[in-house]
N, C-alpha and C. Protein backbone atom coordinates (compact mmCIF):
# COMPACT_ATOMS: atom_id res chain seq x y z
N GLN A 1 -53.86 -40.98 -0.67
CA GLN A 1 -53.06 -39.85 -1.11
C GLN A 1 -52.19 -40.29 -2.29
N VAL A 2 -52.24 -39.49 -3.36
CA VAL A 2 -51.47 -39.80 -4.55
C VAL A 2 -50.08 -39.19 -4.45
N ARG A 3 -49.07 -39.98 -4.76
CA ARG A 3 -47.71 -39.48 -4.78
C ARG A 3 -47.00 -39.98 -6.02
N LEU A 4 -46.26 -39.08 -6.66
CA LEU A 4 -45.35 -39.42 -7.73
C LEU A 4 -43.97 -38.96 -7.30
N VAL A 5 -43.02 -39.87 -7.28
CA VAL A 5 -41.68 -39.53 -6.79
C VAL A 5 -40.65 -39.84 -7.87
N GLU A 6 -40.02 -38.76 -8.38
CA GLU A 6 -38.96 -38.90 -9.36
C GLU A 6 -37.61 -39.02 -8.66
N SER A 7 -36.67 -39.66 -9.32
CA SER A 7 -35.30 -39.74 -8.83
C SER A 7 -34.38 -39.93 -10.03
N GLY A 8 -33.08 -40.02 -9.75
CA GLY A 8 -32.13 -40.34 -10.81
C GLY A 8 -31.48 -39.14 -11.49
N GLY A 9 -31.90 -37.92 -11.11
CA GLY A 9 -31.28 -36.75 -11.71
C GLY A 9 -29.87 -36.53 -11.20
N GLY A 10 -29.19 -35.59 -11.83
CA GLY A 10 -27.84 -35.28 -11.40
C GLY A 10 -27.07 -34.56 -12.49
N LEU A 11 -25.77 -34.51 -12.30
CA LEU A 11 -24.86 -33.86 -13.24
C LEU A 11 -24.23 -34.92 -14.14
N VAL A 12 -24.28 -34.69 -15.44
CA VAL A 12 -23.71 -35.64 -16.39
C VAL A 12 -23.02 -34.86 -17.50
N GLN A 13 -21.98 -35.43 -18.06
CA GLN A 13 -21.25 -34.78 -19.15
C GLN A 13 -22.01 -34.94 -20.47
N PRO A 14 -21.81 -34.02 -21.39
CA PRO A 14 -22.42 -34.18 -22.72
C PRO A 14 -22.06 -35.53 -23.32
N GLY A 15 -23.05 -36.17 -23.94
CA GLY A 15 -22.86 -37.50 -24.49
C GLY A 15 -23.16 -38.62 -23.52
N GLY A 16 -23.35 -38.29 -22.27
CA GLY A 16 -23.62 -39.29 -21.25
C GLY A 16 -25.08 -39.71 -21.20
N SER A 17 -25.38 -40.58 -20.23
CA SER A 17 -26.72 -41.13 -20.08
C SER A 17 -27.19 -41.03 -18.63
N LEU A 18 -28.49 -40.96 -18.49
CA LEU A 18 -29.14 -41.03 -17.18
C LEU A 18 -30.45 -41.79 -17.36
N ARG A 19 -30.89 -42.45 -16.29
CA ARG A 19 -32.22 -43.05 -16.28
C ARG A 19 -33.00 -42.48 -15.11
N LEU A 20 -34.15 -41.93 -15.42
CA LEU A 20 -35.01 -41.34 -14.40
C LEU A 20 -36.18 -42.28 -14.12
N PRO A 21 -36.30 -42.80 -12.90
CA PRO A 21 -37.51 -43.52 -12.54
C PRO A 21 -38.51 -42.58 -11.86
N CYS A 22 -39.77 -42.89 -12.00
CA CYS A 22 -40.83 -42.20 -11.28
C CYS A 22 -41.77 -43.27 -10.75
N THR A 23 -41.91 -43.33 -9.44
CA THR A 23 -42.75 -44.34 -8.80
C THR A 23 -44.01 -43.70 -8.26
N ALA A 24 -45.15 -44.31 -8.58
CA ALA A 24 -46.44 -43.78 -8.18
C ALA A 24 -47.04 -44.61 -7.06
N SER A 25 -47.80 -43.94 -6.21
CA SER A 25 -48.59 -44.63 -5.19
C SER A 25 -49.92 -43.91 -5.06
N GLY A 26 -50.93 -44.66 -4.61
CA GLY A 26 -52.25 -44.06 -4.42
C GLY A 26 -53.11 -44.03 -5.66
N ILE A 27 -52.65 -44.59 -6.76
CA ILE A 27 -53.45 -44.68 -7.99
C ILE A 27 -53.35 -46.09 -8.55
N ILE A 28 -54.31 -46.42 -9.41
CA ILE A 28 -54.21 -47.67 -10.16
C ILE A 28 -53.32 -47.37 -11.36
N PHE A 29 -52.04 -47.58 -11.17
CA PHE A 29 -51.02 -47.10 -12.10
C PHE A 29 -51.29 -47.55 -13.53
N SER A 30 -51.73 -48.78 -13.71
CA SER A 30 -51.81 -49.36 -15.06
C SER A 30 -52.82 -48.67 -15.96
N ILE A 31 -53.78 -47.93 -15.41
CA ILE A 31 -54.80 -47.31 -16.25
C ILE A 31 -54.48 -45.85 -16.57
N TYR A 32 -53.33 -45.38 -16.11
CA TYR A 32 -52.94 -44.00 -16.35
C TYR A 32 -51.96 -43.89 -17.50
N ALA A 33 -52.12 -42.84 -18.31
CA ALA A 33 -51.06 -42.42 -19.20
C ALA A 33 -49.99 -41.72 -18.36
N MET A 34 -48.75 -41.92 -18.73
CA MET A 34 -47.64 -41.33 -17.98
C MET A 34 -46.79 -40.48 -18.91
N ASP A 35 -46.54 -39.27 -18.48
CA ASP A 35 -45.73 -38.34 -19.26
C ASP A 35 -44.49 -37.92 -18.47
N TRP A 36 -43.47 -37.58 -19.22
CA TRP A 36 -42.33 -36.85 -18.66
C TRP A 36 -42.34 -35.46 -19.30
N TYR A 37 -42.24 -34.44 -18.45
CA TYR A 37 -42.10 -33.06 -18.86
C TYR A 37 -40.75 -32.54 -18.39
N ARG A 38 -40.33 -31.43 -18.98
CA ARG A 38 -39.15 -30.75 -18.46
C ARG A 38 -39.34 -29.24 -18.54
N GLN A 39 -38.66 -28.56 -17.64
CA GLN A 39 -38.70 -27.11 -17.60
C GLN A 39 -37.30 -26.57 -17.39
N ALA A 40 -36.82 -25.88 -18.40
CA ALA A 40 -35.51 -25.24 -18.31
C ALA A 40 -35.69 -23.85 -17.69
N PRO A 41 -34.60 -23.29 -17.13
CA PRO A 41 -34.70 -21.97 -16.50
C PRO A 41 -35.24 -20.92 -17.46
N GLY A 42 -36.26 -20.19 -17.03
CA GLY A 42 -36.83 -19.13 -17.85
C GLY A 42 -37.71 -19.59 -18.98
N LYS A 43 -37.99 -20.88 -19.05
CA LYS A 43 -38.80 -21.41 -20.14
C LYS A 43 -40.05 -22.13 -19.60
N GLN A 44 -41.00 -22.37 -20.50
CA GLN A 44 -42.21 -23.09 -20.12
C GLN A 44 -41.93 -24.58 -19.96
N ARG A 45 -42.77 -25.21 -19.17
CA ARG A 45 -42.70 -26.65 -19.03
C ARG A 45 -43.25 -27.28 -20.31
N VAL A 46 -42.51 -28.24 -20.86
CA VAL A 46 -42.91 -28.89 -22.10
C VAL A 46 -42.88 -30.40 -21.94
N MET A 47 -43.76 -31.08 -22.67
CA MET A 47 -43.79 -32.53 -22.63
C MET A 47 -42.64 -33.09 -23.44
N VAL A 48 -41.97 -34.08 -22.89
CA VAL A 48 -40.83 -34.72 -23.54
C VAL A 48 -41.23 -36.07 -24.13
N ALA A 49 -41.99 -36.85 -23.36
CA ALA A 49 -42.36 -38.19 -23.78
C ALA A 49 -43.63 -38.62 -23.08
N ARG A 50 -44.35 -39.51 -23.76
CA ARG A 50 -45.58 -40.06 -23.20
C ARG A 50 -45.63 -41.56 -23.47
N ILE A 51 -46.18 -42.29 -22.50
CA ILE A 51 -46.51 -43.69 -22.71
C ILE A 51 -47.94 -43.89 -22.22
N THR A 52 -48.78 -44.43 -23.09
CA THR A 52 -50.18 -44.63 -22.73
C THR A 52 -50.35 -45.86 -21.85
N SER A 53 -51.57 -46.04 -21.37
CA SER A 53 -51.84 -47.24 -20.57
C SER A 53 -51.64 -48.50 -21.41
N GLY A 54 -51.81 -48.39 -22.70
CA GLY A 54 -51.62 -49.53 -23.59
C GLY A 54 -50.19 -49.74 -24.05
N GLY A 55 -49.31 -48.80 -23.68
CA GLY A 55 -47.90 -48.96 -24.01
C GLY A 55 -47.44 -48.20 -25.24
N SER A 56 -48.33 -47.46 -25.89
CA SER A 56 -47.90 -46.64 -27.03
C SER A 56 -47.08 -45.45 -26.54
N THR A 57 -46.10 -45.08 -27.34
CA THR A 57 -45.21 -44.00 -26.93
C THR A 57 -45.14 -42.90 -27.99
N ASN A 58 -44.86 -41.70 -27.54
CA ASN A 58 -44.49 -40.63 -28.46
C ASN A 58 -43.56 -39.65 -27.76
N TYR A 59 -42.81 -38.92 -28.59
CA TYR A 59 -41.72 -38.08 -28.10
C TYR A 59 -41.73 -36.73 -28.81
N VAL A 60 -41.21 -35.73 -28.10
CA VAL A 60 -40.97 -34.46 -28.76
C VAL A 60 -39.79 -34.66 -29.72
N ASP A 61 -39.80 -33.93 -30.83
CA ASP A 61 -38.80 -34.15 -31.88
C ASP A 61 -37.37 -34.05 -31.37
N SER A 62 -37.13 -33.15 -30.42
CA SER A 62 -35.76 -32.89 -29.98
C SER A 62 -35.13 -34.06 -29.23
N VAL A 63 -35.93 -35.03 -28.80
CA VAL A 63 -35.37 -36.17 -28.06
C VAL A 63 -35.55 -37.50 -28.78
N LYS A 64 -36.23 -37.50 -29.93
CA LYS A 64 -36.44 -38.74 -30.67
C LYS A 64 -35.10 -39.38 -31.04
N GLY A 65 -35.03 -40.68 -30.79
CA GLY A 65 -33.79 -41.40 -31.07
C GLY A 65 -32.78 -41.37 -29.94
N ARG A 66 -33.03 -40.53 -28.94
CA ARG A 66 -32.10 -40.43 -27.80
C ARG A 66 -32.75 -40.86 -26.49
N PHE A 67 -34.03 -40.55 -26.31
CA PHE A 67 -34.73 -40.86 -25.06
C PHE A 67 -35.70 -42.02 -25.30
N ILE A 68 -35.87 -42.83 -24.26
CA ILE A 68 -36.84 -43.93 -24.31
C ILE A 68 -37.68 -43.91 -23.05
N ILE A 69 -38.99 -43.90 -23.21
CA ILE A 69 -39.90 -43.98 -22.07
C ILE A 69 -40.42 -45.41 -22.00
N SER A 70 -40.52 -45.94 -20.79
CA SER A 70 -41.04 -47.28 -20.58
C SER A 70 -41.76 -47.33 -19.24
N ARG A 71 -42.52 -48.38 -19.04
CA ARG A 71 -43.23 -48.52 -17.78
C ARG A 71 -43.20 -49.96 -17.30
N ASP A 72 -43.23 -50.12 -15.98
CA ASP A 72 -43.33 -51.42 -15.34
C ASP A 72 -44.54 -51.34 -14.41
N ASN A 73 -45.66 -51.86 -14.87
CA ASN A 73 -46.89 -51.75 -14.08
C ASN A 73 -46.81 -52.54 -12.77
N ALA A 74 -46.03 -53.59 -12.76
CA ALA A 74 -45.88 -54.37 -11.52
C ALA A 74 -45.17 -53.58 -10.43
N LYS A 75 -44.34 -52.61 -10.86
CA LYS A 75 -43.60 -51.79 -9.90
C LYS A 75 -44.17 -50.38 -9.79
N ASN A 76 -45.28 -50.10 -10.49
CA ASN A 76 -45.89 -48.76 -10.48
C ASN A 76 -44.87 -47.68 -10.84
N THR A 77 -44.03 -47.99 -11.82
CA THR A 77 -42.92 -47.11 -12.14
C THR A 77 -42.83 -46.85 -13.64
N VAL A 78 -42.58 -45.59 -13.99
CA VAL A 78 -42.29 -45.21 -15.36
C VAL A 78 -40.83 -44.73 -15.40
N TYR A 79 -40.17 -45.02 -16.51
CA TYR A 79 -38.76 -44.68 -16.64
C TYR A 79 -38.55 -43.77 -17.85
N LEU A 80 -37.53 -42.91 -17.73
CA LEU A 80 -37.08 -42.16 -18.89
C LEU A 80 -35.58 -42.43 -19.02
N GLN A 81 -35.23 -43.20 -20.02
CA GLN A 81 -33.83 -43.46 -20.33
C GLN A 81 -33.36 -42.36 -21.27
N MET A 82 -32.35 -41.63 -20.86
CA MET A 82 -31.85 -40.49 -21.63
C MET A 82 -30.41 -40.77 -22.05
N ASN A 83 -30.20 -40.84 -23.35
CA ASN A 83 -28.89 -41.12 -23.92
C ASN A 83 -28.41 -39.94 -24.75
N SER A 84 -27.12 -39.92 -25.03
CA SER A 84 -26.52 -38.86 -25.86
C SER A 84 -26.97 -37.48 -25.39
N LEU A 85 -26.86 -37.27 -24.11
CA LEU A 85 -27.36 -36.03 -23.52
C LEU A 85 -26.60 -34.81 -24.01
N LYS A 86 -27.34 -33.71 -24.15
CA LYS A 86 -26.79 -32.45 -24.64
C LYS A 86 -27.01 -31.37 -23.58
N PRO A 87 -26.22 -30.32 -23.60
CA PRO A 87 -26.43 -29.23 -22.63
C PRO A 87 -27.86 -28.68 -22.66
N GLU A 88 -28.48 -28.69 -23.82
CA GLU A 88 -29.85 -28.17 -23.92
C GLU A 88 -30.89 -29.09 -23.29
N ASP A 89 -30.49 -30.27 -22.85
CA ASP A 89 -31.38 -31.14 -22.10
C ASP A 89 -31.43 -30.76 -20.62
N THR A 90 -30.61 -29.82 -20.22
CA THR A 90 -30.60 -29.38 -18.82
C THR A 90 -31.95 -28.78 -18.45
N ALA A 91 -32.55 -29.31 -17.39
CA ALA A 91 -33.88 -28.87 -16.97
C ALA A 91 -34.27 -29.63 -15.70
N VAL A 92 -35.36 -29.20 -15.10
CA VAL A 92 -36.02 -30.01 -14.08
C VAL A 92 -37.01 -30.91 -14.82
N TYR A 93 -36.93 -32.19 -14.54
CA TYR A 93 -37.79 -33.18 -15.19
C TYR A 93 -38.90 -33.60 -14.24
N TYR A 94 -40.12 -33.57 -14.75
CA TYR A 94 -41.30 -33.87 -13.95
C TYR A 94 -42.05 -35.08 -14.52
N CYS A 95 -42.56 -35.87 -13.64
CA CYS A 95 -43.40 -37.02 -13.97
C CYS A 95 -44.87 -36.59 -13.82
N ASN A 96 -45.70 -37.05 -14.76
CA ASN A 96 -47.12 -36.69 -14.75
C ASN A 96 -47.97 -37.92 -15.05
N ALA A 97 -48.99 -38.13 -14.25
CA ALA A 97 -49.94 -39.22 -14.46
C ALA A 97 -51.31 -38.62 -14.75
N HIS A 98 -51.98 -39.09 -15.79
CA HIS A 98 -53.29 -38.51 -16.11
C HIS A 98 -54.18 -39.54 -16.80
N ARG A 99 -55.49 -39.32 -16.68
CA ARG A 99 -56.46 -40.12 -17.40
C ARG A 99 -57.76 -39.36 -17.54
N ASP A 100 -58.64 -39.89 -18.37
CA ASP A 100 -59.97 -39.30 -18.55
C ASP A 100 -59.89 -37.82 -18.89
N TYR A 101 -59.10 -37.48 -19.94
CA TYR A 101 -58.96 -36.09 -20.40
C TYR A 101 -58.54 -35.19 -19.24
N ARG A 102 -57.61 -35.71 -18.45
CA ARG A 102 -57.01 -34.99 -17.32
C ARG A 102 -58.04 -34.66 -16.23
N SER A 103 -59.12 -35.39 -16.18
CA SER A 103 -59.99 -35.29 -15.01
C SER A 103 -59.24 -35.73 -13.76
N PHE A 104 -58.30 -36.63 -13.98
CA PHE A 104 -57.37 -37.05 -12.93
C PHE A 104 -55.96 -36.72 -13.44
N ASP A 105 -55.25 -35.88 -12.70
CA ASP A 105 -54.00 -35.31 -13.20
C ASP A 105 -53.07 -35.05 -12.03
N TYR A 106 -51.95 -35.78 -11.99
CA TYR A 106 -51.06 -35.71 -10.83
C TYR A 106 -49.62 -35.47 -11.29
N TRP A 107 -48.87 -34.74 -10.44
CA TRP A 107 -47.49 -34.36 -10.77
C TRP A 107 -46.54 -34.74 -9.66
N GLY A 108 -45.32 -35.06 -10.05
CA GLY A 108 -44.26 -35.24 -9.09
C GLY A 108 -43.60 -33.91 -8.77
N GLN A 109 -42.58 -33.96 -7.91
CA GLN A 109 -41.93 -32.74 -7.44
C GLN A 109 -40.78 -32.31 -8.35
N GLY A 110 -40.36 -33.20 -9.25
CA GLY A 110 -39.30 -32.88 -10.19
C GLY A 110 -37.93 -33.33 -9.73
N THR A 111 -37.07 -33.56 -10.70
CA THR A 111 -35.68 -33.91 -10.42
C THR A 111 -34.80 -33.15 -11.41
N GLN A 112 -33.70 -32.58 -10.89
CA GLN A 112 -32.84 -31.73 -11.71
C GLN A 112 -31.87 -32.59 -12.53
N VAL A 113 -31.79 -32.28 -13.82
CA VAL A 113 -30.80 -32.88 -14.70
C VAL A 113 -29.95 -31.76 -15.27
N THR A 114 -28.65 -31.87 -15.07
CA THR A 114 -27.71 -30.87 -15.59
C THR A 114 -26.70 -31.56 -16.48
N VAL A 115 -26.60 -31.09 -17.71
CA VAL A 115 -25.66 -31.65 -18.68
C VAL A 115 -24.59 -30.60 -18.94
N SER A 116 -23.40 -30.88 -18.45
CA SER A 116 -22.32 -29.90 -18.53
C SER A 116 -20.98 -30.59 -18.40
N SER A 117 -19.98 -30.02 -19.06
CA SER A 117 -18.61 -30.54 -18.91
C SER A 117 -17.88 -29.76 -17.82
């Protein structure tokens, strides 16, 4: 059984930081690309960051320079380090594992991030 479990969400003030880990089980983690998505209230789910199995990364423009995605294959965990947080970063953040043109595609349950003073 495949499981992706996100954690680390919460309430943070503007300008603050959070780190979201996502731990996978039931897959060979190292061969999967790992994405972080977010969904704000009333909006579509959008990809925020991706790290490939080879370690290449890319980001949506709105988070470039503020967010960092990384992975630890020994711990089956992908991280999203979020710095200089803004109210518009408020959303449910989801972890996604995929490979082979999404022939294999798994999602976590999400973790809420709220940026507010």
